[in-house]
């Protein structure tokens, strides 16, 4: 019996939602301007994670989205994006309002 092992590397990018103030980003922007870069208009500070996965489950991407939502980000104030190393990007599916 042959078992196929699935391997993938993904990047997770978490950043504040556009509507949320980013005081850390504002502080960095002000410091950049003070240090000679007056052209800087805005800075958003987030988190970047590289994750290597090895397994044989077919629902890995779905479980990854669940972990991003429940552990790696705060969905009230942050958005996240999964980037596979092949360049494809996936964002969480948004629920349609009725």
C-alpha atoms as a PDB file:
ATOM      1  CA  UNK A   1       0.000   0.000   0.000  1.00  0.00           C
ATOM      2  CA  UNK A   2       1.394   3.381  -1.042  1.00  0.00           C
ATOM      3  CA  UNK A   3       0.726   6.387   1.178  1.00  0.00           C
ATOM      4  CA  UNK A   4       1.312   9.761  -0.404  1.00  0.00           C
ATOM      5  CA  UNK A   5       2.773  12.374   1.925  1.00  0.00           C
ATOM      6  CA  UNK A   6       1.763  15.941   1.168  1.00  0.00           C
ATOM      7  CA  UNK A   7       4.323  18.702   1.820  1.00  0.00           C
ATOM      8  CA  UNK A   8       3.762  22.415   1.529  1.00  0.00           C
ATOM      9  CA  UNK A   9       5.247  25.634   2.831  1.00  0.00           C
ATOM     10  CA  UNK A  10       2.902  28.525   3.481  1.00  0.00           C
ATOM     11  CA  UNK A  11       3.326  32.078   4.648  1.00  0.00           C
ATOM     12  CA  UNK A  12       0.712  33.669   6.869  1.00  0.00           C
ATOM     13  CA  UNK A  13       0.437  37.441   6.889  1.00  0.00           C
ATOM     14  CA  UNK A  14      -1.648  39.059   9.616  1.00  0.00           C
ATOM     15  CA  UNK A  15      -2.242  42.809   9.621  1.00  0.00           C
ATOM     16  CA  UNK A  16      -4.687  45.276  11.144  1.00  0.00           C
ATOM     17  CA  UNK A  17      -7.938  45.784   9.266  1.00  0.00           C
ATOM     18  CA  UNK A  18      -8.012  49.001   7.246  1.00  0.00           C
ATOM     19  CA  UNK A  19     -10.675  50.481   9.547  1.00  0.00           C
ATOM     20  CA  UNK A  20      -8.577  49.837  12.678  1.00  0.00           C
ATOM     21  CA  UNK A  21      -6.108  52.444  13.905  1.00  0.00           C
ATOM     22  CA  UNK A  22      -2.494  51.269  13.996  1.00  0.00           C
ATOM     23  CA  UNK A  23      -0.659  53.338  16.632  1.00  0.00           C
ATOM     24  CA  UNK A  24       2.523  51.261  16.270  1.00  0.00           C
ATOM     25  CA  UNK A  25       2.497  51.889  12.517  1.00  0.00           C
ATOM     26  CA  UNK A  26       1.957  55.607  13.104  1.00  0.00           C
ATOM     27  CA  UNK A  27       4.936  55.707  15.491  1.00  0.00           C
ATOM     28  CA  UNK A  28       7.167  53.981  12.932  1.00  0.00           C
ATOM     29  CA  UNK A  29       5.924  56.340  10.184  1.00  0.00           C
ATOM     30  CA  UNK A  30       6.739  59.375  12.332  1.00  0.00           C
ATOM     31  CA  UNK A  31      10.210  58.003  13.124  1.00  0.00           C
ATOM     32  CA  UNK A  32      10.886  57.336   9.431  1.00  0.00           C
ATOM     33  CA  UNK A  33       9.911  60.905   8.592  1.00  0.00           C
ATOM     34  CA  UNK A  34      12.114  62.210  11.401  1.00  0.00           C
ATOM     35  CA  UNK A  35      15.046  60.144  10.073  1.00  0.00           C
ATOM     36  CA  UNK A  36      14.900  61.659   6.611  1.00  0.00           C
ATOM     37  CA  UNK A  37      12.031  59.959   4.752  1.00  0.00           C
ATOM     38  CA  UNK A  38       9.284  62.616   4.613  1.00  0.00           C
ATOM     39  CA  UNK A  39       7.761  60.768   1.628  1.00  0.00           C
ATOM     40  CA  UNK A  40       6.420  57.957   3.872  1.00  0.00           C
ATOM     41  CA  UNK A  41       2.639  58.343   4.034  1.00  0.00           C
ATOM     42  CA  UNK A  42       1.600  55.323   6.097  1.00  0.00           C
ATOM     43  CA  UNK A  43       2.954  52.209   7.793  1.00  0.00           C
ATOM     44  CA  UNK A  44       0.944  49.168   8.906  1.00  0.00           C
ATOM     45  CA  UNK A  45       2.581  46.797  11.384  1.00  0.00           C
ATOM     46  CA  UNK A  46       1.587  43.140  11.249  1.00  0.00           C
ATOM     47  CA  UNK A  47       2.879  39.605  11.753  1.00  0.00           C
ATOM     48  CA  UNK A  48       4.523  37.239   9.284  1.00  0.00           C
ATOM     49  CA  UNK A  49       4.799  33.483   9.823  1.00  0.00           C
ATOM     50  CA  UNK A  50       6.367  30.723   7.725  1.00  0.00           C
ATOM     51  CA  UNK A  51       4.792  27.309   8.252  1.00  0.00           C
ATOM     52  CA  UNK A  52       5.948  23.970   6.862  1.00  0.00           C
ATOM     53  CA  UNK A  53       3.319  21.228   6.726  1.00  0.00           C
ATOM     54  CA  UNK A  54       3.747  17.542   6.084  1.00  0.00           C
ATOM     55  CA  UNK A  55       0.867  15.088   6.119  1.00  0.00           C
ATOM     56  CA  UNK A  56      -1.722  13.260   4.105  1.00  0.00           C
ATOM     57  CA  UNK A  57      -4.953  15.025   5.053  1.00  0.00           C
ATOM     58  CA  UNK A  58      -7.123  16.419   2.297  1.00  0.00           C
ATOM     59  CA  UNK A  59      -8.562  19.188   4.456  1.00  0.00           C
ATOM     60  CA  UNK A  60      -5.254  20.792   5.457  1.00  0.00           C
ATOM     61  CA  UNK A  61      -6.041  24.167   3.895  1.00  0.00           C
ATOM     62  CA  UNK A  62      -9.412  24.324   5.635  1.00  0.00           C
ATOM     63  CA  UNK A  63      -7.798  23.515   8.991  1.00  0.00           C
ATOM     64  CA  UNK A  64      -5.082  26.106   8.345  1.00  0.00           C
ATOM     65  CA  UNK A  65      -7.735  28.777   7.795  1.00  0.00           C
ATOM     66  CA  UNK A  66      -9.326  27.723  11.087  1.00  0.00           C
ATOM     67  CA  UNK A  67      -6.015  28.065  12.936  1.00  0.00           C
ATOM     68  CA  UNK A  68      -5.358  31.461  11.356  1.00  0.00           C
ATOM     69  CA  UNK A  69      -8.790  32.649  12.420  1.00  0.00           C
ATOM     70  CA  UNK A  70      -8.760  31.141  15.940  1.00  0.00           C
ATOM     71  CA  UNK A  71      -5.099  31.305  16.971  1.00  0.00           C
ATOM     72  CA  UNK A  72      -2.862  33.418  14.755  1.00  0.00           C
ATOM     73  CA  UNK A  73      -5.137  36.443  14.265  1.00  0.00           C
ATOM     74  CA  UNK A  74      -7.847  38.354  16.065  1.00  0.00           C
ATOM     75  CA  UNK A  75     -10.675  38.459  13.484  1.00  0.00           C
ATOM     76  CA  UNK A  76     -12.261  41.478  15.168  1.00  0.00           C
ATOM     77  CA  UNK A  77      -9.314  43.766  14.395  1.00  0.00           C
ATOM     78  CA  UNK A  78      -7.044  41.809  12.017  1.00  0.00           C
ATOM     79  CA  UNK A  79      -7.164  40.250   8.546  1.00  0.00           C
ATOM     80  CA  UNK A  80      -4.975  37.360   7.467  1.00  0.00           C
ATOM     81  CA  UNK A  81      -3.803  35.919   4.190  1.00  0.00           C
ATOM     82  CA  UNK A  82      -2.312  32.506   3.391  1.00  0.00           C
ATOM     83  CA  UNK A  83       0.347  32.461   0.687  1.00  0.00           C
ATOM     84  CA  UNK A  84       1.492  29.136  -0.668  1.00  0.00           C
ATOM     85  CA  UNK A  85       5.110  29.056  -1.760  1.00  0.00           C
ATOM     86  CA  UNK A  86       3.945  28.574  -5.351  1.00  0.00           C
ATOM     87  CA  UNK A  87       2.659  32.160  -5.247  1.00  0.00           C
ATOM     88  CA  UNK A  88      -1.062  31.478  -4.852  1.00  0.00           C
ATOM     89  CA  UNK A  89      -2.889  33.413  -2.174  1.00  0.00           C
ATOM     90  CA  UNK A  90      -6.001  32.483  -0.266  1.00  0.00           C
ATOM     91  CA  UNK A  91      -8.014  34.673   2.025  1.00  0.00           C
ATOM     92  CA  UNK A  92     -10.792  33.565   4.361  1.00  0.00           C
ATOM     93  CA  UNK A  93     -14.187  33.211   2.786  1.00  0.00           C
ATOM     94  CA  UNK A  94     -16.516  35.951   3.959  1.00  0.00           C
ATOM     95  CA  UNK A  95     -20.062  35.166   4.845  1.00  0.00           C
ATOM     96  CA  UNK A  96     -22.688  36.993   2.832  1.00  0.00           C
ATOM     97  CA  UNK A  97     -25.082  39.159   4.811  1.00  0.00           C
ATOM     98  CA  UNK A  98     -28.759  38.441   4.402  1.00  0.00           C
END
